[in-house]
N, C-alpha and C. Protein backbone atom coordinates (compact mmCIF):
# COMPACT_ATOMS: atom_id res chain seq x y z
N MET A 1 36.80 73.81 -97.56
CA MET A 1 37.48 74.76 -98.04
C MET A 1 38.85 74.86 -97.50
N PRO A 2 39.87 75.07 -98.30
CA PRO A 2 41.26 75.11 -97.95
C PRO A 2 41.47 76.15 -96.57
N ALA A 3 42.15 75.83 -95.63
CA ALA A 3 42.45 76.60 -94.53
C ALA A 3 43.08 77.93 -94.82
N PHE A 4 44.12 77.93 -95.67
CA PHE A 4 44.94 79.26 -95.80
C PHE A 4 45.07 79.60 -97.35
N LEU A 5 44.21 80.43 -97.68
CA LEU A 5 44.11 80.85 -99.08
C LEU A 5 43.61 82.24 -99.15
N ILE A 6 43.85 82.93 -100.17
CA ILE A 6 43.31 84.25 -100.44
C ILE A 6 43.06 84.45 -101.93
N ALA A 7 41.75 84.45 -102.19
CA ALA A 7 41.31 84.40 -103.54
C ALA A 7 40.04 85.56 -103.49
N LEU A 8 39.83 86.03 -104.67
CA LEU A 8 38.77 87.14 -104.71
C LEU A 8 37.49 86.67 -104.20
N VAL A 9 37.21 85.45 -104.23
CA VAL A 9 35.91 84.97 -103.68
C VAL A 9 35.71 85.24 -102.31
N CYS A 10 36.91 85.34 -101.45
CA CYS A 10 36.92 85.58 -100.17
C CYS A 10 36.40 86.91 -99.79
N ALA A 11 36.63 87.80 -100.60
CA ALA A 11 36.10 89.23 -100.32
C ALA A 11 34.54 89.22 -100.23
N LEU A 12 33.93 88.41 -100.85
CA LEU A 12 32.51 88.29 -100.73
C LEU A 12 32.12 87.98 -99.21
N SER A 13 32.75 86.96 -98.66
CA SER A 13 32.42 86.43 -97.28
C SER A 13 32.95 87.56 -96.24
N LEU A 14 34.20 88.13 -96.60
CA LEU A 14 34.62 89.07 -95.67
C LEU A 14 33.84 90.30 -95.69
N TRP A 15 33.28 90.68 -96.83
CA TRP A 15 32.60 92.04 -96.78
C TRP A 15 31.11 91.93 -96.44
N ALA A 16 30.55 90.76 -96.34
CA ALA A 16 29.14 90.71 -96.21
C ALA A 16 28.72 91.13 -94.71
N PRO A 17 29.41 90.75 -93.67
CA PRO A 17 29.08 91.20 -92.38
C PRO A 17 29.37 92.72 -91.91
N ARG A 18 30.29 93.32 -92.67
CA ARG A 18 30.59 94.53 -92.35
C ARG A 18 29.63 95.63 -92.31
N ALA A 19 29.77 96.80 -91.58
CA ALA A 19 28.82 97.77 -91.37
C ALA A 19 28.47 98.43 -92.77
N SER A 20 27.09 98.39 -93.14
CA SER A 20 26.53 99.11 -94.26
C SER A 20 26.97 100.49 -94.40
N SER A 21 27.23 100.77 -95.66
CA SER A 21 27.51 102.26 -96.01
C SER A 21 27.52 102.28 -97.55
N ALA A 22 27.11 103.51 -97.99
CA ALA A 22 27.04 103.64 -99.47
C ALA A 22 28.50 103.51 -100.02
N LEU A 23 29.51 103.94 -99.33
CA LEU A 23 30.96 103.82 -99.79
C LEU A 23 31.18 102.18 -99.99
N SER A 24 30.74 101.43 -99.06
CA SER A 24 31.10 99.98 -99.09
C SER A 24 30.30 99.27 -100.22
N LEU A 25 29.17 99.73 -100.46
CA LEU A 25 28.36 99.10 -101.51
C LEU A 25 28.94 99.56 -102.85
N ASP A 26 29.38 100.76 -102.96
CA ASP A 26 30.10 101.29 -104.22
C ASP A 26 31.34 100.38 -104.43
N LYS A 27 32.21 100.01 -103.34
CA LYS A 27 33.38 99.43 -103.55
C LYS A 27 33.00 97.95 -103.94
N PHE A 28 31.92 97.49 -103.40
CA PHE A 28 31.55 96.09 -103.66
C PHE A 28 31.14 95.95 -105.08
N ASP A 29 30.28 97.00 -105.57
CA ASP A 29 29.77 96.87 -106.88
C ASP A 29 31.02 96.99 -107.99
N ALA A 30 32.10 97.99 -107.69
CA ALA A 30 33.14 98.14 -108.30
C ALA A 30 33.87 96.98 -108.66
N MET A 31 34.01 96.07 -107.54
CA MET A 31 34.76 94.79 -107.55
C MET A 31 34.09 93.85 -108.49
N ILE A 32 32.65 93.58 -108.40
CA ILE A 32 31.92 92.74 -109.19
C ILE A 32 32.11 93.18 -110.74
N GLU A 33 32.09 94.52 -111.10
CA GLU A 33 32.11 95.08 -112.39
C GLU A 33 33.46 94.69 -113.02
N TRP A 34 34.58 94.65 -112.01
CA TRP A 34 36.04 94.27 -112.35
C TRP A 34 35.93 92.98 -112.70
N LEU A 35 35.31 92.10 -111.82
CA LEU A 35 35.40 90.75 -112.02
C LEU A 35 34.61 90.31 -113.35
N ASP A 36 33.63 91.08 -113.64
CA ASP A 36 32.91 90.74 -115.03
C ASP A 36 33.85 90.97 -116.09
N THR A 37 34.76 91.70 -116.02
CA THR A 37 35.74 91.87 -117.25
C THR A 37 36.64 90.65 -117.41
N HIS A 38 36.84 89.78 -116.48
CA HIS A 38 37.55 88.50 -116.74
C HIS A 38 36.76 87.35 -117.36
N PRO A 39 37.21 86.95 -118.36
CA PRO A 39 36.64 85.65 -119.06
C PRO A 39 36.47 84.56 -117.96
N ASN A 40 35.41 83.96 -118.01
CA ASN A 40 35.03 82.65 -117.31
C ASN A 40 34.80 83.06 -115.77
N PHE A 41 34.48 84.33 -115.26
CA PHE A 41 34.07 84.51 -114.04
C PHE A 41 32.50 84.30 -114.17
N VAL A 42 32.12 83.43 -113.28
CA VAL A 42 30.69 83.02 -113.06
C VAL A 42 30.30 83.20 -111.58
N SER A 43 29.14 83.98 -111.56
CA SER A 43 28.71 84.14 -110.11
C SER A 43 27.07 83.87 -110.11
N HIS A 44 26.72 83.28 -109.20
CA HIS A 44 25.12 82.92 -109.01
C HIS A 44 24.85 83.34 -107.73
N VAL A 45 25.31 84.50 -107.14
CA VAL A 45 24.86 85.16 -105.89
C VAL A 45 24.84 86.54 -106.10
N GLU A 46 24.25 87.22 -105.10
CA GLU A 46 24.34 88.73 -104.97
C GLU A 46 24.22 89.33 -103.53
N MET A 47 24.66 90.37 -103.33
CA MET A 47 24.75 90.98 -101.94
C MET A 47 23.43 91.47 -101.72
N GLY A 48 22.84 91.26 -100.76
CA GLY A 48 21.42 91.95 -100.47
C GLY A 48 21.03 91.78 -98.92
N THR A 49 19.81 92.17 -98.65
CA THR A 49 19.17 92.14 -97.42
C THR A 49 17.84 91.33 -97.64
N ASN A 50 17.62 90.43 -96.76
CA ASN A 50 16.50 89.60 -96.59
C ASN A 50 15.22 90.26 -95.93
N ALA A 51 14.20 89.76 -95.81
CA ALA A 51 13.01 90.21 -95.19
C ALA A 51 13.05 90.44 -93.89
N ASN A 52 14.06 89.94 -93.27
CA ASN A 52 14.30 90.00 -91.73
C ASN A 52 15.43 91.09 -91.49
N GLY A 53 15.79 91.61 -92.55
CA GLY A 53 16.92 92.83 -92.26
C GLY A 53 18.25 92.41 -92.25
N ILE A 54 18.44 90.97 -92.51
CA ILE A 54 19.89 90.38 -92.45
C ILE A 54 20.58 90.52 -93.83
N ARG A 55 21.63 91.05 -93.71
CA ARG A 55 22.39 91.32 -95.21
C ARG A 55 23.50 90.11 -95.15
N GLY A 56 23.65 89.61 -96.44
CA GLY A 56 24.43 88.62 -96.63
C GLY A 56 24.48 88.35 -98.24
N ILE A 57 24.95 87.22 -98.61
CA ILE A 57 25.14 86.67 -99.82
C ILE A 57 23.82 85.64 -100.20
N PHE A 58 23.23 86.12 -101.30
CA PHE A 58 22.05 85.36 -101.51
C PHE A 58 22.15 84.69 -102.99
N ALA A 59 21.68 83.51 -103.19
CA ALA A 59 21.64 82.89 -104.58
C ALA A 59 20.80 83.46 -105.49
N THR A 60 20.95 83.70 -106.76
CA THR A 60 20.20 84.49 -107.70
C THR A 60 19.35 83.31 -108.40
N ARG A 61 19.59 81.98 -108.07
CA ARG A 61 18.82 80.91 -108.72
C ARG A 61 18.63 79.81 -107.87
N ASP A 62 17.87 78.79 -108.26
CA ASP A 62 17.77 77.60 -107.35
C ASP A 62 19.02 76.89 -107.48
N MET A 63 19.63 76.37 -106.47
CA MET A 63 20.82 75.65 -106.20
C MET A 63 20.65 74.20 -105.83
N ASP A 64 21.21 73.24 -106.46
CA ASP A 64 21.33 71.86 -105.90
C ASP A 64 22.66 71.85 -105.02
N HIS A 65 22.45 70.78 -104.12
CA HIS A 65 23.59 70.51 -103.35
C HIS A 65 24.87 70.16 -103.98
N GLY A 66 25.94 70.78 -103.77
CA GLY A 66 27.24 70.67 -104.55
C GLY A 66 27.43 71.52 -105.57
N ASP A 67 26.37 72.23 -105.90
CA ASP A 67 26.61 73.27 -106.98
C ASP A 67 27.54 74.42 -106.84
N ALA A 68 28.43 74.79 -107.77
CA ALA A 68 29.32 75.83 -107.55
C ALA A 68 28.53 77.06 -107.67
N ILE A 69 28.77 77.94 -106.74
CA ILE A 69 28.09 79.21 -106.93
C ILE A 69 28.94 80.51 -107.50
N ILE A 70 30.22 80.28 -107.40
CA ILE A 70 31.17 81.30 -107.79
C ILE A 70 32.34 80.65 -108.41
N THR A 71 32.77 81.10 -109.68
CA THR A 71 34.10 80.61 -110.23
C THR A 71 34.82 81.73 -110.52
N VAL A 72 35.97 81.84 -109.92
CA VAL A 72 36.96 82.96 -110.24
C VAL A 72 38.05 82.42 -111.01
N PRO A 73 38.43 83.07 -112.22
CA PRO A 73 39.46 82.71 -113.02
C PRO A 73 40.65 83.08 -112.55
N PRO A 74 41.80 82.43 -112.82
CA PRO A 74 43.17 82.77 -112.22
C PRO A 74 43.67 84.20 -112.43
N THR A 75 43.06 84.79 -113.58
CA THR A 75 43.65 86.22 -113.84
C THR A 75 43.07 87.17 -112.90
N ALA A 76 42.09 86.83 -112.15
CA ALA A 76 41.48 87.69 -111.19
C ALA A 76 41.86 87.34 -109.74
N VAL A 77 43.02 86.81 -109.48
CA VAL A 77 43.56 86.41 -108.11
C VAL A 77 44.93 86.85 -107.87
N ILE A 78 45.23 87.04 -106.54
CA ILE A 78 46.64 87.23 -106.26
C ILE A 78 47.29 85.79 -105.72
N SER A 79 48.10 85.17 -106.46
CA SER A 79 48.57 83.88 -106.17
C SER A 79 50.15 83.91 -106.08
N VAL A 80 50.67 82.97 -105.08
CA VAL A 80 52.10 82.76 -105.00
C VAL A 80 52.41 81.31 -105.67
N GLY A 81 51.53 80.76 -106.44
CA GLY A 81 51.87 79.58 -107.08
C GLY A 81 51.26 78.56 -106.45
N GLY A 82 51.84 77.42 -105.79
CA GLY A 82 51.14 76.27 -105.19
C GLY A 82 49.58 76.39 -104.89
N TYR A 83 48.97 75.25 -104.73
CA TYR A 83 47.62 75.31 -104.51
C TYR A 83 47.06 74.14 -103.46
N SER A 84 45.94 74.47 -102.82
CA SER A 84 45.07 73.58 -101.99
C SER A 84 44.08 73.10 -102.72
N GLU A 85 43.67 71.74 -102.59
CA GLU A 85 42.56 71.12 -103.25
C GLU A 85 41.25 71.69 -102.43
N GLN A 86 40.20 71.76 -103.30
CA GLN A 86 39.06 71.86 -102.75
C GLN A 86 38.41 70.69 -101.99
N ASP A 87 37.84 70.61 -101.02
CA ASP A 87 37.58 69.33 -100.24
C ASP A 87 36.23 69.37 -99.70
N GLY A 88 35.55 68.24 -99.33
CA GLY A 88 34.27 68.09 -98.83
C GLY A 88 33.30 68.51 -99.75
N ASP A 89 32.24 69.25 -99.07
CA ASP A 89 31.12 69.80 -99.75
C ASP A 89 31.12 71.31 -100.05
N ALA A 90 32.50 71.84 -100.24
CA ALA A 90 32.52 73.16 -100.50
C ALA A 90 31.63 73.70 -101.62
N ILE A 91 30.98 74.82 -101.47
CA ILE A 91 30.12 75.28 -102.46
C ILE A 91 30.72 76.47 -103.33
N ILE A 92 31.81 76.71 -102.98
CA ILE A 92 32.70 77.80 -103.80
C ILE A 92 33.65 77.09 -104.71
N THR A 93 33.58 77.24 -105.98
CA THR A 93 34.73 76.61 -106.88
C THR A 93 35.78 77.68 -107.14
N VAL A 94 37.05 77.29 -106.70
CA VAL A 94 38.30 78.13 -106.91
C VAL A 94 39.14 77.28 -107.73
N PRO A 95 39.79 77.78 -108.91
CA PRO A 95 40.55 77.16 -109.51
C PRO A 95 42.02 76.81 -108.76
N PRO A 96 42.66 75.66 -108.91
CA PRO A 96 43.88 75.58 -108.32
C PRO A 96 44.83 76.82 -108.10
N THR A 97 44.95 77.46 -109.47
CA THR A 97 45.83 78.57 -109.50
C THR A 97 45.34 79.67 -108.77
N ALA A 98 44.21 79.58 -108.38
CA ALA A 98 43.50 80.92 -107.62
C ALA A 98 43.64 81.03 -106.16
N VAL A 99 44.65 80.36 -105.55
CA VAL A 99 44.74 80.47 -103.99
C VAL A 99 46.16 80.57 -103.84
N ILE A 100 46.34 81.04 -102.57
CA ILE A 100 47.76 81.02 -101.95
C ILE A 100 47.68 79.87 -101.14
N SER A 101 48.67 79.01 -101.13
CA SER A 101 48.62 77.73 -100.48
C SER A 101 49.88 77.69 -99.64
N VAL A 102 49.86 76.88 -98.33
CA VAL A 102 51.03 76.86 -97.66
C VAL A 102 51.48 75.35 -97.72
N GLY A 103 50.96 74.56 -98.55
CA GLY A 103 51.33 73.12 -98.68
C GLY A 103 52.72 73.21 -99.13
N GLY A 104 53.54 72.29 -98.44
CA GLY A 104 54.87 72.15 -98.95
C GLY A 104 55.77 73.20 -98.39
N TYR A 105 55.50 74.35 -97.83
CA TYR A 105 56.31 75.40 -97.58
C TYR A 105 56.79 75.21 -96.13
N ARG A 106 57.88 75.87 -95.76
CA ARG A 106 58.38 75.87 -94.43
C ARG A 106 57.46 76.79 -93.48
N ASP A 107 57.46 76.78 -92.26
CA ASP A 107 56.52 77.45 -91.51
C ASP A 107 56.46 78.93 -91.81
N GLN A 108 57.75 79.47 -91.86
CA GLN A 108 57.94 80.77 -92.07
C GLN A 108 57.28 81.24 -93.54
N ASP A 109 57.52 80.40 -94.46
CA ASP A 109 57.10 80.68 -95.76
C ASP A 109 55.38 80.70 -95.85
N ALA A 110 54.89 80.14 -94.88
CA ALA A 110 53.41 80.11 -94.92
C ALA A 110 52.90 81.44 -94.85
N TRP A 111 53.53 82.53 -94.23
CA TRP A 111 52.96 83.81 -94.21
C TRP A 111 53.91 84.90 -95.02
N THR A 112 55.20 84.66 -95.08
CA THR A 112 56.24 85.65 -95.77
C THR A 112 55.91 85.79 -97.12
N GLU A 113 55.69 84.90 -97.91
CA GLU A 113 55.36 85.13 -99.40
C GLU A 113 54.17 85.67 -99.70
N PRO A 114 52.95 85.22 -99.13
CA PRO A 114 51.68 85.85 -99.24
C PRO A 114 51.76 87.34 -98.72
N ALA A 115 52.24 87.66 -97.61
CA ALA A 115 52.26 89.02 -97.07
C ALA A 115 53.13 89.90 -97.72
N ALA A 116 54.16 89.39 -98.39
CA ALA A 116 55.03 90.29 -99.34
C ALA A 116 54.31 90.61 -100.60
N ARG A 117 53.70 89.63 -101.28
CA ARG A 117 52.92 89.84 -102.49
C ARG A 117 51.79 90.79 -102.17
N LEU A 118 51.05 90.68 -101.09
CA LEU A 118 49.99 91.51 -100.86
C LEU A 118 50.56 92.89 -100.63
N LEU A 119 51.54 93.12 -99.78
CA LEU A 119 52.14 94.44 -99.82
C LEU A 119 52.55 95.16 -100.84
N ALA A 120 53.02 94.43 -101.77
CA ALA A 120 53.45 94.95 -103.14
C ALA A 120 52.24 95.59 -103.82
N GLU A 121 51.02 94.86 -103.79
CA GLU A 121 49.96 95.13 -104.53
C GLU A 121 49.18 96.30 -103.60
N LEU A 122 49.19 96.23 -102.41
CA LEU A 122 48.49 97.19 -101.46
C LEU A 122 49.28 98.57 -101.68
N ARG A 123 50.53 98.55 -101.82
CA ARG A 123 51.24 99.80 -102.07
C ARG A 123 51.44 100.37 -103.40
N ASN A 124 50.87 99.57 -104.33
CA ASN A 124 50.95 100.05 -105.73
C ASN A 124 49.54 100.75 -106.18
N PRO A 125 49.67 101.97 -106.32
CA PRO A 125 48.35 102.69 -106.80
C PRO A 125 47.77 102.35 -108.15
N HIS A 126 48.67 101.62 -109.10
CA HIS A 126 48.14 101.17 -110.13
C HIS A 126 47.99 99.59 -110.35
N SER A 127 47.82 98.93 -109.08
CA SER A 127 47.56 97.52 -109.15
C SER A 127 46.31 97.20 -109.94
N ARG A 128 46.52 96.22 -110.69
CA ARG A 128 45.22 95.72 -111.43
C ARG A 128 44.17 94.97 -110.61
N PHE A 129 44.58 94.84 -109.24
CA PHE A 129 43.84 94.22 -108.35
C PHE A 129 43.01 95.27 -107.30
N LYS A 130 43.21 96.57 -107.71
CA LYS A 130 42.73 97.61 -106.82
C LYS A 130 41.19 97.45 -106.52
N ALA A 131 40.38 97.20 -107.39
CA ALA A 131 38.98 96.88 -107.15
C ALA A 131 38.87 95.87 -106.11
N TYR A 132 39.49 94.88 -105.94
CA TYR A 132 39.59 93.88 -105.13
C TYR A 132 40.22 94.33 -103.77
N LEU A 133 41.33 94.96 -103.84
CA LEU A 133 42.01 95.40 -102.55
C LEU A 133 41.16 96.53 -101.76
N ASP A 134 40.31 97.30 -102.64
CA ASP A 134 39.63 98.22 -101.92
C ASP A 134 38.51 97.63 -101.00
N THR A 135 38.27 96.23 -101.31
CA THR A 135 37.08 95.80 -100.36
C THR A 135 37.76 95.09 -99.33
N MET A 136 38.88 94.96 -99.09
CA MET A 136 39.72 94.36 -97.92
C MET A 136 39.25 94.99 -96.67
N PRO A 137 39.17 94.10 -95.68
CA PRO A 137 38.89 94.48 -94.43
C PRO A 137 40.01 95.37 -93.67
N ALA A 138 39.70 96.25 -92.87
CA ALA A 138 40.62 97.07 -92.19
C ALA A 138 41.45 96.24 -91.22
N SER A 139 42.47 96.65 -90.68
CA SER A 139 43.47 95.90 -89.85
C SER A 139 42.81 95.35 -88.69
N ASP A 140 41.98 96.25 -88.06
CA ASP A 140 41.32 95.82 -86.73
C ASP A 140 39.97 94.88 -86.94
N GLU A 141 39.68 94.55 -88.26
CA GLU A 141 38.80 93.66 -88.65
C GLU A 141 39.19 92.21 -88.97
N VAL A 142 40.57 91.98 -89.00
CA VAL A 142 41.12 90.67 -89.22
C VAL A 142 41.94 90.22 -88.08
N PRO A 143 41.53 90.07 -86.82
CA PRO A 143 42.44 89.70 -85.67
C PRO A 143 43.04 88.29 -85.98
N SER A 144 44.23 88.15 -85.59
CA SER A 144 44.71 86.93 -85.92
C SER A 144 46.11 86.92 -85.06
N LEU A 145 46.88 85.86 -85.09
CA LEU A 145 48.15 85.64 -84.31
C LEU A 145 49.23 86.84 -85.02
N CYS A 146 48.97 87.18 -86.31
CA CYS A 146 49.89 88.12 -86.78
C CYS A 146 49.59 89.58 -86.31
N ASN A 147 48.44 89.97 -85.97
CA ASN A 147 48.26 91.45 -85.38
C ASN A 147 47.68 91.43 -84.18
N PHE A 148 47.54 90.41 -83.44
CA PHE A 148 46.92 90.47 -82.20
C PHE A 148 47.63 91.37 -81.23
N PRO A 149 47.00 92.25 -80.50
CA PRO A 149 47.44 93.14 -79.75
C PRO A 149 48.55 92.62 -78.49
N GLU A 150 49.68 93.08 -78.55
CA GLU A 150 50.60 92.37 -77.58
C GLU A 150 50.24 92.57 -76.08
N GLU A 151 49.55 93.43 -75.83
CA GLU A 151 49.20 93.63 -74.34
C GLU A 151 48.26 92.56 -73.96
N TYR A 152 47.45 91.97 -74.87
CA TYR A 152 46.58 90.92 -74.53
C TYR A 152 47.03 89.52 -74.80
N ALA A 153 48.29 89.35 -75.16
CA ALA A 153 48.77 87.95 -75.42
C ALA A 153 48.70 87.11 -74.28
N GLU A 154 49.13 87.48 -73.19
CA GLU A 154 49.12 86.74 -72.11
C GLU A 154 47.71 86.10 -71.51
N MET A 155 46.57 86.73 -72.14
CA MET A 155 45.28 86.29 -71.90
C MET A 155 44.70 84.94 -72.86
N MET A 156 45.72 84.76 -73.75
CA MET A 156 45.29 83.57 -74.67
C MET A 156 45.28 82.32 -73.81
N PRO A 157 44.31 81.43 -74.35
CA PRO A 157 43.84 80.39 -73.53
C PRO A 157 44.72 79.19 -73.19
N SER A 158 45.84 79.14 -73.85
CA SER A 158 46.89 78.18 -73.38
C SER A 158 48.27 78.61 -73.79
N THR A 159 49.33 78.13 -73.13
CA THR A 159 50.82 78.30 -73.31
C THR A 159 51.14 77.95 -74.86
N TYR A 160 50.38 77.08 -75.46
CA TYR A 160 50.77 76.78 -76.97
C TYR A 160 50.39 77.99 -77.57
N TRP A 161 49.28 78.74 -77.61
CA TRP A 161 49.04 79.82 -78.40
C TRP A 161 50.00 81.03 -78.00
N ILE A 162 50.20 81.11 -76.81
CA ILE A 162 51.15 82.23 -76.46
C ILE A 162 52.46 82.12 -77.01
N GLU A 163 52.85 80.91 -76.92
CA GLU A 163 54.40 80.50 -77.42
C GLU A 163 54.23 80.70 -79.16
N ALA A 164 53.11 80.24 -79.71
CA ALA A 164 53.06 80.46 -81.16
C ALA A 164 52.99 81.89 -81.60
N TYR A 165 52.21 82.66 -80.69
CA TYR A 165 52.11 84.06 -80.93
C TYR A 165 53.60 84.77 -80.81
N GLN A 166 54.35 84.50 -79.83
CA GLN A 166 55.75 85.03 -79.64
C GLN A 166 56.63 84.57 -80.81
N VAL A 167 56.46 83.42 -81.08
CA VAL A 167 57.32 82.96 -82.33
C VAL A 167 57.15 83.62 -83.69
N LEU A 168 55.85 83.81 -83.93
CA LEU A 168 55.50 84.52 -85.14
C LEU A 168 55.80 86.07 -85.03
N GLN A 169 55.52 86.67 -83.83
CA GLN A 169 55.95 87.98 -83.79
C GLN A 169 57.60 88.26 -83.94
N GLN A 170 58.31 87.29 -83.43
CA GLN A 170 59.86 87.51 -83.63
C GLN A 170 59.97 87.35 -85.16
N GLN A 171 59.37 86.33 -85.78
CA GLN A 171 59.49 86.14 -87.28
C GLN A 171 59.30 87.30 -87.95
N LEU A 172 58.12 88.06 -87.75
CA LEU A 172 57.72 89.47 -88.16
C LEU A 172 58.66 90.37 -88.25
N LYS A 173 59.41 90.41 -87.01
CA LYS A 173 60.24 91.63 -86.79
C LYS A 173 61.60 91.17 -87.51
N ASP A 174 61.91 89.88 -87.44
CA ASP A 174 63.26 89.55 -88.20
C ASP A 174 63.13 89.76 -89.77
N TYR A 175 61.85 89.48 -90.25
CA TYR A 175 61.68 89.55 -91.64
C TYR A 175 61.62 90.86 -92.04
N LEU A 176 61.03 91.86 -91.26
CA LEU A 176 61.09 93.15 -91.57
C LEU A 176 62.48 93.82 -91.65
N ALA A 177 63.32 93.39 -90.65
CA ALA A 177 64.71 93.81 -90.53
C ALA A 177 65.53 93.12 -91.53
N GLY A 178 65.25 92.03 -92.36
CA GLY A 178 65.99 91.24 -93.25
C GLY A 178 66.83 90.40 -92.47
N ASN A 179 66.55 90.10 -91.21
CA ASN A 179 67.48 89.13 -90.47
C ASN A 179 66.90 87.80 -90.25
N SER A 180 66.01 87.27 -91.25
CA SER A 180 65.39 85.87 -90.79
C SER A 180 66.54 84.88 -91.05
N THR A 181 66.39 83.85 -90.08
CA THR A 181 67.40 82.80 -89.95
C THR A 181 67.14 81.69 -90.96
N ASP A 182 65.86 81.61 -91.20
CA ASP A 182 65.44 80.58 -92.11
C ASP A 182 65.11 81.29 -93.60
N PHE A 183 65.84 81.10 -94.42
CA PHE A 183 65.84 82.05 -95.70
C PHE A 183 64.48 81.99 -96.42
N PRO A 184 63.72 83.07 -96.49
CA PRO A 184 62.35 82.95 -97.05
C PRO A 184 62.49 82.91 -98.52
N THR A 185 61.29 82.35 -99.17
CA THR A 185 61.23 82.26 -100.47
C THR A 185 61.23 83.62 -101.22
N LEU A 186 60.66 84.62 -100.45
CA LEU A 186 60.50 85.86 -101.07
C LEU A 186 60.76 86.94 -100.17
N THR A 187 61.84 87.81 -100.15
CA THR A 187 62.13 88.84 -99.12
C THR A 187 61.17 90.00 -99.59
N LEU A 188 61.12 90.93 -98.56
CA LEU A 188 60.59 92.20 -98.77
C LEU A 188 61.16 93.07 -99.80
N ALA A 189 62.35 93.05 -99.83
CA ALA A 189 63.16 93.90 -100.92
C ALA A 189 63.06 93.38 -102.41
N GLU A 190 62.80 92.00 -102.51
CA GLU A 190 62.74 91.51 -103.74
C GLU A 190 61.00 91.83 -104.29
N ALA A 191 60.19 91.74 -103.34
CA ALA A 191 58.79 92.16 -103.54
C ALA A 191 58.54 93.55 -103.89
N LEU A 192 59.08 94.47 -103.05
CA LEU A 192 58.69 95.81 -103.00
C LEU A 192 59.79 96.77 -103.50
N GLY A 193 61.14 96.31 -103.69
CA GLY A 193 62.29 97.14 -104.18
C GLY A 193 62.51 98.18 -103.14
N LEU A 194 62.75 99.33 -103.56
CA LEU A 194 63.17 100.33 -102.68
C LEU A 194 62.11 100.71 -101.58
N ASP A 195 61.00 100.41 -101.99
CA ASP A 195 59.71 100.73 -101.12
C ASP A 195 59.80 99.86 -99.69
N ALA A 196 60.54 98.92 -99.74
CA ALA A 196 60.76 97.80 -98.54
C ALA A 196 61.12 98.58 -97.40
N LYS A 197 62.08 99.58 -97.61
CA LYS A 197 62.62 100.34 -96.44
C LYS A 197 61.57 101.12 -95.56
N ASP A 198 60.57 101.35 -96.28
CA ASP A 198 59.57 101.98 -95.60
C ASP A 198 58.41 101.44 -94.96
N VAL A 199 58.38 99.97 -95.12
CA VAL A 199 57.30 99.07 -94.49
C VAL A 199 57.54 99.21 -93.08
N THR A 200 56.34 99.47 -92.28
CA THR A 200 56.21 99.35 -90.87
C THR A 200 55.91 97.97 -90.37
N LEU A 201 56.15 97.72 -89.08
CA LEU A 201 55.70 96.52 -88.59
C LEU A 201 54.31 96.32 -88.61
N ASP A 202 53.41 97.29 -88.35
CA ASP A 202 52.06 97.15 -88.45
C ASP A 202 51.52 96.85 -89.79
N GLU A 203 52.15 97.44 -90.81
CA GLU A 203 51.84 97.08 -92.08
C GLU A 203 52.09 95.58 -92.56
N LEU A 204 53.20 95.14 -92.09
CA LEU A 204 53.52 93.74 -92.25
C LEU A 204 52.60 92.75 -91.47
N ARG A 205 52.32 93.13 -90.16
CA ARG A 205 51.39 92.39 -89.46
C ARG A 205 49.89 92.27 -90.17
N TYR A 206 49.54 93.42 -90.77
CA TYR A 206 48.26 93.45 -91.42
C TYR A 206 48.28 92.71 -92.67
N ALA A 207 49.37 92.66 -93.52
CA ALA A 207 49.41 92.02 -94.74
C ALA A 207 49.58 90.33 -94.29
N CYS A 208 50.19 90.05 -93.22
CA CYS A 208 50.21 88.70 -92.76
C CYS A 208 48.83 88.16 -92.35
N SER A 209 48.07 89.08 -91.73
CA SER A 209 46.80 88.59 -91.23
C SER A 209 45.82 88.39 -92.29
N LEU A 210 46.01 89.17 -93.57
CA LEU A 210 45.20 89.07 -94.59
C LEU A 210 45.59 87.74 -95.41
N GLY A 211 46.86 87.68 -95.66
CA GLY A 211 47.32 86.41 -96.37
C GLY A 211 47.58 85.15 -95.82
N PHE A 212 47.71 85.08 -94.37
CA PHE A 212 47.92 83.88 -93.79
C PHE A 212 46.80 83.67 -92.70
N GLY A 213 46.55 84.61 -91.77
CA GLY A 213 45.51 84.28 -91.02
C GLY A 213 46.04 84.06 -89.52
N GLY A 214 47.18 83.09 -89.45
CA GLY A 214 47.48 82.80 -88.23
C GLY A 214 46.83 81.84 -87.48
């Protein structure tokens, strides 16, 4: 599976381990209903609980090795263009246009454009992706270099990760302030218009963690 992508199919895996609640189930069901409105959406899985009380994603029919269990059409994904190839024995089929890829981008563009696109959708109450966005994990459920607590940074296992964290955090601050030294493909102002001035650093860190992972 490509390392850095965000497609609707990811919501299935992100949602599965989260605490069970009627609200979460409703949101998941709403997302599936929304996906069903898109031509060419195919799913051979369902959310459920097995005999041992383990909740997860289960096949709805017998599957052979290498079979695609989910196909998500491009109209149902948030994409910034480029794509990452499916590789290995991945069991989830994602069309090339259904992913956010970092291939060919500069380091900073690996997160700036996905984060800006996501912020624009997250802040739009009329986003056509709302059913999907409602299933996204909370900010404290997607720890990464983007939103790792600063007070714990020195506890990282090596100086490599500490330096990578520091570089990324400075990029986040510069991008938010509009002071990026390396011209990003998409600025916050271009993605959000006047709303860009109200974006907080925590919001940007959250969007970065969802779209890039770090």
